[in-house]
């Protein structure tokens, strides 16, 4: 995606900030962090410290991320992704630009490109290891040249997108907003880069409002996450983070309000798991 001349100054500043964060993370990776040695509660409670935990965590889980997602959702994630894909492309006519934020290992980047033959798709993720896997997937022999020429993936920050104002037709964000230090800033950035009338599709876990169901869902995620974290990484907090991050997050209703507040017109909300997971579909006003 090309920055407009009017936004070049702002784009340069965002790029400098993003590059600085990447350099800081590279330095961190040279000094491996055992996540269990960090105070998870303190990092989740402090926006300035949250990313210091989240990015190394996703670097650790990147090689097994897809397996983990399928296992934890009992395979339901495949259906959720199909719904998100359908919502993302339903208003695309002709050429367009798409961003897949928190793109992870790149599977949805390729799904978007395969679903719409004239859509150019850029995946952005804060985790360098996730992006390494995404780029390897994009470069695999099973991906056609025609698709490969329309997709890319790079390290970036959802709260400081190196993308021009009103330059994107579709934005998707799966399990991303919950993991940023400031969700409102991330939503504001999505509103900035999306064209008026453009489509936003988000999928995430939310804090269930019903106390009993919240206790059951978070209890399952906590126990299962700790077991798998210990089994795979000898570090329970690696996946124990999920339940804690949901506990610190908002409800799907509150996120609906945030979208409306930041310039989106909500089209529909599809809820799963008793409101513990939801897909929001909105357009930029």
C-alpha atoms as a PDB file:
ATOM      1  CA  UNK A   1       0.000   0.000   0.000  1.00  0.00           C
ATOM      2  CA  UNK A   2       1.353   3.407  -0.963  1.00  0.00           C
ATOM      3  CA  UNK A   3       1.321   6.372   1.430  1.00  0.00           C
ATOM      4  CA  UNK A   4      -0.192   9.536   0.007  1.00  0.00           C
ATOM      5  CA  UNK A   5       2.017  12.635  -0.110  1.00  0.00           C
ATOM      6  CA  UNK A   6      -0.300  14.433   2.317  1.00  0.00           C
ATOM      7  CA  UNK A   7       0.236  11.718   4.909  1.00  0.00           C
ATOM      8  CA  UNK A   8       3.936  11.127   4.264  1.00  0.00           C
ATOM      9  CA  UNK A   9       5.105  13.014   7.360  1.00  0.00           C
ATOM     10  CA  UNK A  10       2.777  11.130   9.661  1.00  0.00           C
ATOM     11  CA  UNK A  11       3.630   7.876   7.892  1.00  0.00           C
ATOM     12  CA  UNK A  12       7.349   8.464   8.430  1.00  0.00           C
ATOM     13  CA  UNK A  13       6.787   9.102  12.133  1.00  0.00           C
ATOM     14  CA  UNK A  14       4.736   5.927  12.480  1.00  0.00           C
ATOM     15  CA  UNK A  15       7.357   3.952  10.573  1.00  0.00           C
ATOM     16  CA  UNK A  16      10.117   5.280  12.856  1.00  0.00           C
ATOM     17  CA  UNK A  17       8.116   4.230  15.915  1.00  0.00           C
ATOM     18  CA  UNK A  18       7.396   0.807  14.445  1.00  0.00           C
ATOM     19  CA  UNK A  19      11.062   0.304  13.527  1.00  0.00           C
ATOM     20  CA  UNK A  20      12.075   1.329  17.033  1.00  0.00           C
ATOM     21  CA  UNK A  21       9.719  -1.261  18.515  1.00  0.00           C
ATOM     22  CA  UNK A  22      11.078  -3.951  16.206  1.00  0.00           C
ATOM     23  CA  UNK A  23      14.644  -3.065  17.206  1.00  0.00           C
ATOM     24  CA  UNK A  24      13.696  -3.178  20.888  1.00  0.00           C
ATOM     25  CA  UNK A  25      12.090  -6.595  20.380  1.00  0.00           C
ATOM     26  CA  UNK A  26      15.099  -7.897  18.462  1.00  0.00           C
ATOM     27  CA  UNK A  27      17.276  -6.951  21.390  1.00  0.00           C
ATOM     28  CA  UNK A  28      14.871  -8.742  23.721  1.00  0.00           C
ATOM     29  CA  UNK A  29      14.978 -11.906  21.605  1.00  0.00           C
ATOM     30  CA  UNK A  30      18.757 -11.917  21.933  1.00  0.00           C
ATOM     31  CA  UNK A  31      18.170 -12.190  25.684  1.00  0.00           C
ATOM     32  CA  UNK A  32      15.468 -14.904  25.931  1.00  0.00           C
ATOM     33  CA  UNK A  33      12.748 -14.239  28.496  1.00  0.00           C
ATOM     34  CA  UNK A  34      11.091 -16.995  30.464  1.00  0.00           C
ATOM     35  CA  UNK A  35       7.522 -15.745  30.589  1.00  0.00           C
ATOM     36  CA  UNK A  36       6.862 -17.444  33.901  1.00  0.00           C
ATOM     37  CA  UNK A  37       9.444 -15.155  35.483  1.00  0.00           C
ATOM     38  CA  UNK A  38       7.298 -12.104  34.648  1.00  0.00           C
ATOM     39  CA  UNK A  39       4.408 -10.762  36.714  1.00  0.00           C
ATOM     40  CA  UNK A  40       1.498 -11.400  34.332  1.00  0.00           C
ATOM     41  CA  UNK A  41      -1.036  -9.463  36.393  1.00  0.00           C
ATOM     42  CA  UNK A  42       1.229  -6.419  36.511  1.00  0.00           C
ATOM     43  CA  UNK A  43       1.828  -6.532  32.762  1.00  0.00           C
ATOM     44  CA  UNK A  44      -1.890  -6.857  31.953  1.00  0.00           C
ATOM     45  CA  UNK A  45      -2.805  -4.034  34.331  1.00  0.00           C
ATOM     46  CA  UNK A  46      -0.283  -1.604  32.853  1.00  0.00           C
ATOM     47  CA  UNK A  47      -0.721  -0.657  29.158  1.00  0.00           C
ATOM     48  CA  UNK A  48       2.906   0.452  28.990  1.00  0.00           C
ATOM     49  CA  UNK A  49       4.082  -3.041  29.994  1.00  0.00           C
ATOM     50  CA  UNK A  50       1.513  -5.262  28.292  1.00  0.00           C
ATOM     51  CA  UNK A  51       3.280  -5.431  24.917  1.00  0.00           C
ATOM     52  CA  UNK A  52       6.500  -6.435  26.688  1.00  0.00           C
ATOM     53  CA  UNK A  53       4.736  -9.669  27.605  1.00  0.00           C
ATOM     54  CA  UNK A  54       2.492 -10.219  24.596  1.00  0.00           C
ATOM     55  CA  UNK A  55       5.054 -10.052  21.782  1.00  0.00           C
ATOM     56  CA  UNK A  56       7.548 -12.521  23.330  1.00  0.00           C
ATOM     57  CA  UNK A  57       4.636 -14.810  24.199  1.00  0.00           C
ATOM     58  CA  UNK A  58       3.451 -14.992  20.592  1.00  0.00           C
ATOM     59  CA  UNK A  59       7.023 -15.553  19.454  1.00  0.00           C
ATOM     60  CA  UNK A  60       7.160 -18.564  21.770  1.00  0.00           C
ATOM     61  CA  UNK A  61       3.855 -20.084  20.630  1.00  0.00           C
ATOM     62  CA  UNK A  62       4.187 -19.260  16.909  1.00  0.00           C
ATOM     63  CA  UNK A  63       5.342 -22.730  15.723  1.00  0.00           C
ATOM     64  CA  UNK A  64       2.344 -24.443  17.359  1.00  0.00           C
ATOM     65  CA  UNK A  65      -0.176 -21.618  17.133  1.00  0.00           C
ATOM     66  CA  UNK A  66      -2.434 -23.189  14.495  1.00  0.00           C
ATOM     67  CA  UNK A  67      -2.534 -26.545  16.286  1.00  0.00           C
ATOM     68  CA  UNK A  68      -3.251 -24.822  19.582  1.00  0.00           C
ATOM     69  CA  UNK A  69      -6.131 -22.774  18.117  1.00  0.00           C
ATOM     70  CA  UNK A  70      -7.820 -25.831  16.643  1.00  0.00           C
ATOM     71  CA  UNK A  71      -7.336 -27.843  19.814  1.00  0.00           C
ATOM     72  CA  UNK A  72      -8.611 -25.200  22.224  1.00  0.00           C
ATOM     73  CA  UNK A  73     -11.701 -24.458  20.114  1.00  0.00           C
ATOM     74  CA  UNK A  74     -12.421 -28.161  19.447  1.00  0.00           C
ATOM     75  CA  UNK A  75     -12.198 -27.363  15.748  1.00  0.00           C
ATOM     76  CA  UNK A  76     -14.869 -24.650  15.868  1.00  0.00           C
ATOM     77  CA  UNK A  77     -12.383 -21.992  14.754  1.00  0.00           C
ATOM     78  CA  UNK A  78     -12.618 -23.238  11.156  1.00  0.00           C
ATOM     79  CA  UNK A  79     -16.303 -22.315  11.007  1.00  0.00           C
ATOM     80  CA  UNK A  80     -15.679 -18.968  12.681  1.00  0.00           C
ATOM     81  CA  UNK A  81     -13.035 -18.145  10.087  1.00  0.00           C
ATOM     82  CA  UNK A  82     -15.358 -19.096   7.235  1.00  0.00           C
ATOM     83  CA  UNK A  83     -17.961 -16.691   8.593  1.00  0.00           C
ATOM     84  CA  UNK A  84     -15.361 -13.928   8.919  1.00  0.00           C
ATOM     85  CA  UNK A  85     -14.098 -14.527   5.383  1.00  0.00           C
ATOM     86  CA  UNK A  86     -17.599 -14.338   3.935  1.00  0.00           C
ATOM     87  CA  UNK A  87     -18.279 -11.091   5.801  1.00  0.00           C
ATOM     88  CA  UNK A  88     -14.976  -9.565   4.694  1.00  0.00           C
ATOM     89  CA  UNK A  89     -15.464 -10.053   0.967  1.00  0.00           C
ATOM     90  CA  UNK A  90     -19.233  -9.681   0.611  1.00  0.00           C
ATOM     91  CA  UNK A  91     -18.985  -6.016  -0.436  1.00  0.00           C
ATOM     92  CA  UNK A  92     -15.801  -6.242  -2.512  1.00  0.00           C
ATOM     93  CA  UNK A  93     -16.289  -5.390  -6.189  1.00  0.00           C
ATOM     94  CA  UNK A  94     -13.199  -5.289  -8.378  1.00  0.00           C
ATOM     95  CA  UNK A  95      -9.766  -4.356  -7.122  1.00  0.00           C
ATOM     96  CA  UNK A  96      -9.240  -3.576  -3.483  1.00  0.00           C
ATOM     97  CA  UNK A  97      -6.754  -3.345  -0.631  1.00  0.00           C
ATOM     98  CA  UNK A  98      -7.114  -5.450   2.503  1.00  0.00           C
ATOM     99  CA  UNK A  99      -5.310  -5.502   5.834  1.00  0.00           C
ATOM    100  CA  UNK A 100      -5.299  -8.563   8.065  1.00  0.00           C
ATOM    101  CA  UNK A 101      -4.216  -7.310  11.482  1.00  0.00           C
ATOM    102  CA  UNK A 102      -2.774  -9.715  14.037  1.00  0.00           C
ATOM    103  CA  UNK A 103      -2.323 -11.971  11.002  1.00  0.00           C
ATOM    104  CA  UNK A 104      -0.412 -14.639  12.914  1.00  0.00           C
ATOM    105  CA  UNK A 105       0.857 -17.405  10.659  1.00  0.00           C
ATOM    106  CA  UNK A 106      -0.799 -15.970   7.556  1.00  0.00           C
ATOM    107  CA  UNK A 107      -3.569 -18.485   6.934  1.00  0.00           C
ATOM    108  CA  UNK A 108      -6.277 -15.812   6.751  1.00  0.00           C
ATOM    109  CA  UNK A 109      -4.103 -13.590   4.547  1.00  0.00           C
ATOM    110  CA  UNK A 110      -4.076 -16.359   1.951  1.00  0.00           C
ATOM    111  CA  UNK A 111      -7.752 -17.137   2.497  1.00  0.00           C
ATOM    112  CA  UNK A 112      -8.654 -13.538   1.642  1.00  0.00           C
ATOM    113  CA  UNK A 113      -6.474 -13.548  -1.469  1.00  0.00           C
ATOM    114  CA  UNK A 114      -7.910 -16.860  -2.657  1.00  0.00           C
ATOM    115  CA  UNK A 115     -11.481 -15.710  -2.061  1.00  0.00           C
ATOM    116  CA  UNK A 116     -11.185 -12.525  -4.132  1.00  0.00           C
ATOM    117  CA  UNK A 117      -8.982 -12.619  -7.229  1.00  0.00           C
ATOM    118  CA  UNK A 118      -8.367  -8.855  -7.357  1.00  0.00           C
ATOM    119  CA  UNK A 119      -7.795  -8.213  -3.672  1.00  0.00           C
ATOM    120  CA  UNK A 120      -4.306  -7.216  -2.513  1.00  0.00           C
ATOM    121  CA  UNK A 121      -3.760  -8.380   1.058  1.00  0.00           C
ATOM    122  CA  UNK A 122      -1.199  -7.235   3.615  1.00  0.00           C
ATOM    123  CA  UNK A 123      -0.791  -9.100   6.883  1.00  0.00           C
ATOM    124  CA  UNK A 124       0.554  -7.253   9.917  1.00  0.00           C
ATOM    125  CA  UNK A 125       1.573  -8.774  13.236  1.00  0.00           C
ATOM    126  CA  UNK A 126       3.677  -7.641  16.190  1.00  0.00           C
ATOM    127  CA  UNK A 127       5.445 -11.009  16.443  1.00  0.00           C
ATOM    128  CA  UNK A 128       8.494 -11.450  14.189  1.00  0.00           C
ATOM    129  CA  UNK A 129       8.291 -15.237  14.501  1.00  0.00           C
ATOM    130  CA  UNK A 130       4.655 -15.228  13.410  1.00  0.00           C
ATOM    131  CA  UNK A 131       5.625 -13.138  10.376  1.00  0.00           C
ATOM    132  CA  UNK A 132       8.485 -15.520   9.560  1.00  0.00           C
ATOM    133  CA  UNK A 133       5.992 -18.396   9.443  1.00  0.00           C
ATOM    134  CA  UNK A 134       3.487 -16.318   7.454  1.00  0.00           C
ATOM    135  CA  UNK A 135       6.091 -15.427   4.832  1.00  0.00           C
ATOM    136  CA  UNK A 136       7.211 -19.054   4.598  1.00  0.00           C
ATOM    137  CA  UNK A 137       3.591 -20.052   4.028  1.00  0.00           C
ATOM    138  CA  UNK A 138       3.161 -17.368   1.358  1.00  0.00           C
ATOM    139  CA  UNK A 139       6.326 -18.546  -0.375  1.00  0.00           C
ATOM    140  CA  UNK A 140       5.382 -22.223  -0.326  1.00  0.00           C
ATOM    141  CA  UNK A 141       5.136 -24.069  -3.615  1.00  0.00           C
ATOM    142  CA  UNK A 142       1.464 -24.790  -3.035  1.00  0.00           C
ATOM    143  CA  UNK A 143       0.665 -21.072  -3.341  1.00  0.00           C
ATOM    144  CA  UNK A 144       0.169 -19.966  -6.938  1.00  0.00           C
ATOM    145  CA  UNK A 145       2.253 -17.153  -8.385  1.00  0.00           C
ATOM    146  CA  UNK A 146      -0.919 -15.156  -9.059  1.00  0.00           C
ATOM    147  CA  UNK A 147      -1.830 -15.249  -5.368  1.00  0.00           C
ATOM    148  CA  UNK A 148       1.723 -14.754  -4.111  1.00  0.00           C
ATOM    149  CA  UNK A 149       2.036 -11.522  -6.099  1.00  0.00           C
ATOM    150  CA  UNK A 150      -0.955 -10.060  -4.258  1.00  0.00           C
ATOM    151  CA  UNK A 151      -0.018 -10.867  -0.668  1.00  0.00           C
ATOM    152  CA  UNK A 152       2.628  -9.805   1.821  1.00  0.00           C
ATOM    153  CA  UNK A 153       3.234  -9.935   5.560  1.00  0.00           C
ATOM    154  CA  UNK A 154       5.295  -7.699   7.801  1.00  0.00           C
ATOM    155  CA  UNK A 155       5.932  -6.812  11.433  1.00  0.00           C
ATOM    156  CA  UNK A 156       3.857  -3.870  12.611  1.00  0.00           C
ATOM    157  CA  UNK A 157       1.875  -2.291  15.413  1.00  0.00           C
ATOM    158  CA  UNK A 158      -1.936  -2.169  15.297  1.00  0.00           C
ATOM    159  CA  UNK A 159      -1.850   1.075  17.252  1.00  0.00           C
ATOM    160  CA  UNK A 160       0.587   2.779  14.834  1.00  0.00           C
ATOM    161  CA  UNK A 161      -0.148   1.497  11.351  1.00  0.00           C
ATOM    162  CA  UNK A 162       2.327   2.487   8.652  1.00  0.00           C
ATOM    163  CA  UNK A 163      -0.554   2.874   6.192  1.00  0.00           C
ATOM    164  CA  UNK A 164      -1.995   5.957   4.493  1.00  0.00           C
ATOM    165  CA  UNK A 165      -5.277   7.522   5.548  1.00  0.00           C
ATOM    166  CA  UNK A 166      -8.395   6.108   3.862  1.00  0.00           C
ATOM    167  CA  UNK A 167      -6.401   3.716   1.664  1.00  0.00           C
ATOM    168  CA  UNK A 168      -7.876   0.338   2.647  1.00  0.00           C
ATOM    169  CA  UNK A 169     -11.136  -1.314   1.553  1.00  0.00           C
ATOM    170  CA  UNK A 170     -11.262  -4.172   4.068  1.00  0.00           C
ATOM    171  CA  UNK A 171      -9.725  -4.731   7.491  1.00  0.00           C
ATOM    172  CA  UNK A 172      -9.865  -8.014   9.361  1.00  0.00           C
ATOM    173  CA  UNK A 173      -8.565  -8.545  12.882  1.00  0.00           C
ATOM    174  CA  UNK A 174      -8.769 -11.964  14.483  1.00  0.00           C
ATOM    175  CA  UNK A 175      -7.904 -12.228  18.190  1.00  0.00           C
ATOM    176  CA  UNK A 176      -5.959  -8.979  17.919  1.00  0.00           C
ATOM    177  CA  UNK A 177      -7.685  -6.082  19.664  1.00  0.00           C
ATOM    178  CA  UNK A 178      -7.725  -7.875  23.035  1.00  0.00           C
ATOM    179  CA  UNK A 179      -3.954  -8.200  22.941  1.00  0.00           C
ATOM    180  CA  UNK A 180      -3.004  -4.561  22.327  1.00  0.00           C
ATOM    181  CA  UNK A 181      -2.237  -2.207  25.227  1.00  0.00           C
ATOM    182  CA  UNK A 182      -4.964   0.274  24.201  1.00  0.00           C
ATOM    183  CA  UNK A 183      -7.925  -1.130  22.222  1.00  0.00           C
ATOM    184  CA  UNK A 184      -9.416   2.329  21.612  1.00  0.00           C
ATOM    185  CA  UNK A 185      -6.223   3.500  19.914  1.00  0.00           C
ATOM    186  CA  UNK A 186      -6.187   0.390  17.709  1.00  0.00           C
ATOM    187  CA  UNK A 187      -9.819   0.940  16.665  1.00  0.00           C
ATOM    188  CA  UNK A 188      -9.045   4.598  15.956  1.00  0.00           C
ATOM    189  CA  UNK A 189      -6.163   3.554  13.691  1.00  0.00           C
ATOM    190  CA  UNK A 190      -8.403   1.141  11.817  1.00  0.00           C
ATOM    191  CA  UNK A 191     -10.908   3.945  11.293  1.00  0.00           C
ATOM    192  CA  UNK A 192      -8.131   6.214  10.019  1.00  0.00           C
ATOM    193  CA  UNK A 193      -6.845   3.883   7.301  1.00  0.00           C
ATOM    194  CA  UNK A 194     -10.198   2.458   6.183  1.00  0.00           C
ATOM    195  CA  UNK A 195     -12.007   4.160   3.319  1.00  0.00           C
ATOM    196  CA  UNK A 196     -15.491   5.564   4.007  1.00  0.00           C
ATOM    197  CA  UNK A 197     -17.868   2.673   3.420  1.00  0.00           C
ATOM    198  CA  UNK A 198     -15.044   0.169   3.897  1.00  0.00           C
ATOM    199  CA  UNK A 199     -15.606  -3.035   5.850  1.00  0.00           C
ATOM    200  CA  UNK A 200     -14.188  -4.016   9.234  1.00  0.00           C
ATOM    201  CA  UNK A 201     -14.490  -7.584  10.520  1.00  0.00           C
ATOM    202  CA  UNK A 202     -13.160  -8.477  13.959  1.00  0.00           C
ATOM    203  CA  UNK A 203     -13.237 -11.783  15.818  1.00  0.00           C
ATOM    204  CA  UNK A 204     -12.219 -12.029  19.444  1.00  0.00           C
ATOM    205  CA  UNK A 205     -12.863 -13.424  22.888  1.00  0.00           C
ATOM    206  CA  UNK A 206     -14.780 -11.157  25.250  1.00  0.00           C
ATOM    207  CA  UNK A 207     -15.563 -11.063  28.933  1.00  0.00           C
ATOM    208  CA  UNK A 208     -18.942 -12.803  29.366  1.00  0.00           C
ATOM    209  CA  UNK A 209     -21.361 -10.748  31.437  1.00  0.00           C
ATOM    210  CA  UNK A 210     -23.129 -13.741  33.013  1.00  0.00           C
ATOM    211  CA  UNK A 211     -21.033 -14.505  36.087  1.00  0.00           C
ATOM    212  CA  UNK A 212     -21.588 -18.275  36.140  1.00  0.00           C
ATOM    213  CA  UNK A 213     -20.755 -18.730  32.452  1.00  0.00           C
ATOM    214  CA  UNK A 214     -17.764 -16.413  32.799  1.00  0.00           C
ATOM    215  CA  UNK A 215     -16.420 -18.550  35.639  1.00  0.00           C
ATOM    216  CA  UNK A 216     -16.905 -21.762  33.644  1.00  0.00           C
ATOM    217  CA  UNK A 217     -15.376 -20.461  30.400  1.00  0.00           C
ATOM    218  CA  UNK A 218     -12.412 -18.767  32.024  1.00  0.00           C
ATOM    219  CA  UNK A 219     -11.918 -21.745  34.314  1.00  0.00           C
ATOM    220  CA  UNK A 220     -11.670 -24.091  31.328  1.00  0.00           C
ATOM    221  CA  UNK A 221      -9.271 -21.777  29.491  1.00  0.00           C
ATOM    222  CA  UNK A 222      -7.138 -21.323  32.592  1.00  0.00           C
ATOM    223  CA  UNK A 223      -6.789 -25.021  33.442  1.00  0.00           C
ATOM    224  CA  UNK A 224      -6.342 -26.163  29.842  1.00  0.00           C
ATOM    225  CA  UNK A 225      -3.940 -23.313  29.110  1.00  0.00           C
ATOM    226  CA  UNK A 226      -1.761 -24.065  32.118  1.00  0.00           C
ATOM    227  CA  UNK A 227      -1.637 -27.776  31.263  1.00  0.00           C
ATOM    228  CA  UNK A 228      -0.721 -27.215  27.609  1.00  0.00           C
ATOM    229  CA  UNK A 229       1.749 -24.474  28.528  1.00  0.00           C
ATOM    230  CA  UNK A 230       3.551 -26.845  30.871  1.00  0.00           C
ATOM    231  CA  UNK A 231       3.344 -29.774  28.455  1.00  0.00           C
ATOM    232  CA  UNK A 232       4.710 -27.919  25.441  1.00  0.00           C
ATOM    233  CA  UNK A 233       6.911 -25.227  26.977  1.00  0.00           C
ATOM    234  CA  UNK A 234       7.404 -26.113  30.657  1.00  0.00           C
ATOM    235  CA  UNK A 235       5.909 -22.667  31.298  1.00  0.00           C
ATOM    236  CA  UNK A 236       2.192 -22.644  32.304  1.00  0.00           C
ATOM    237  CA  UNK A 237       1.787 -18.884  31.908  1.00  0.00           C
ATOM    238  CA  UNK A 238       2.350 -19.136  28.128  1.00  0.00           C
ATOM    239  CA  UNK A 239      -1.265 -20.185  27.533  1.00  0.00           C
ATOM    240  CA  UNK A 240      -2.586 -19.212  30.947  1.00  0.00           C
ATOM    241  CA  UNK A 241      -2.406 -15.673  29.563  1.00  0.00           C
ATOM    242  CA  UNK A 242      -5.559 -16.230  27.511  1.00  0.00           C
ATOM    243  CA  UNK A 243      -8.029 -16.491  30.390  1.00  0.00           C
ATOM    244  CA  UNK A 244      -6.363 -13.625  32.241  1.00  0.00           C
ATOM    245  CA  UNK A 245      -6.452 -11.370  29.180  1.00  0.00           C
ATOM    246  CA  UNK A 246     -10.181 -12.063  28.709  1.00  0.00           C
ATOM    247  CA  UNK A 247     -10.815 -11.252  32.362  1.00  0.00           C
ATOM    248  CA  UNK A 248      -9.111  -7.883  31.811  1.00  0.00           C
ATOM    249  CA  UNK A 249     -10.935  -7.231  28.512  1.00  0.00           C
ATOM    250  CA  UNK A 250     -14.384  -5.785  27.790  1.00  0.00           C
ATOM    251  CA  UNK A 251     -17.699  -7.408  26.881  1.00  0.00           C
ATOM    252  CA  UNK A 252     -18.825  -7.723  23.267  1.00  0.00           C
ATOM    253  CA  UNK A 253     -21.448  -5.054  23.984  1.00  0.00           C
ATOM    254  CA  UNK A 254     -18.783  -2.619  25.161  1.00  0.00           C
ATOM    255  CA  UNK A 255     -16.734  -3.279  22.029  1.00  0.00           C
ATOM    256  CA  UNK A 256     -19.812  -2.560  19.905  1.00  0.00           C
ATOM    257  CA  UNK A 257     -20.064   0.806  21.631  1.00  0.00           C
ATOM    258  CA  UNK A 258     -16.370   1.492  21.045  1.00  0.00           C
ATOM    259  CA  UNK A 259     -16.751   0.879  17.308  1.00  0.00           C
ATOM    260  CA  UNK A 260     -19.689   3.285  17.096  1.00  0.00           C
ATOM    261  CA  UNK A 261     -17.787   5.858  19.132  1.00  0.00           C
ATOM    262  CA  UNK A 262     -14.762   5.741  16.817  1.00  0.00           C
ATOM    263  CA  UNK A 263     -16.601   6.251  13.533  1.00  0.00           C
ATOM    264  CA  UNK A 264     -17.991   2.851  12.555  1.00  0.00           C
ATOM    265  CA  UNK A 265     -21.557   1.873  11.746  1.00  0.00           C
ATOM    266  CA  UNK A 266     -22.177  -1.558  13.243  1.00  0.00           C
ATOM    267  CA  UNK A 267     -23.801  -3.935  10.754  1.00  0.00           C
ATOM    268  CA  UNK A 268     -24.110  -7.084  12.836  1.00  0.00           C
ATOM    269  CA  UNK A 269     -22.648  -9.048  15.724  1.00  0.00           C
ATOM    270  CA  UNK A 270     -22.485 -12.843  15.615  1.00  0.00           C
ATOM    271  CA  UNK A 271     -22.016 -14.328  19.078  1.00  0.00           C
ATOM    272  CA  UNK A 272     -20.628 -17.714  20.064  1.00  0.00           C
ATOM    273  CA  UNK A 273     -19.841 -19.392  23.376  1.00  0.00           C
ATOM    274  CA  UNK A 274     -22.516 -17.459  25.235  1.00  0.00           C
ATOM    275  CA  UNK A 275     -21.010 -14.123  24.280  1.00  0.00           C
ATOM    276  CA  UNK A 276     -17.506 -15.258  25.155  1.00  0.00           C
ATOM    277  CA  UNK A 277     -16.552 -14.925  21.493  1.00  0.00           C
ATOM    278  CA  UNK A 278     -18.054 -12.608  18.896  1.00  0.00           C
ATOM    279  CA  UNK A 279     -17.623 -11.437  15.326  1.00  0.00           C
ATOM    280  CA  UNK A 280     -18.315  -7.747  14.728  1.00  0.00           C
ATOM    281  CA  UNK A 281     -19.002  -6.537  11.191  1.00  0.00           C
ATOM    282  CA  UNK A 282     -18.977  -2.767  10.695  1.00  0.00           C
ATOM    283  CA  UNK A 283     -18.515  -0.148   7.992  1.00  0.00           C
ATOM    284  CA  UNK A 284     -16.570   3.095   8.169  1.00  0.00           C
ATOM    285  CA  UNK A 285     -18.903   6.079   8.283  1.00  0.00           C
END
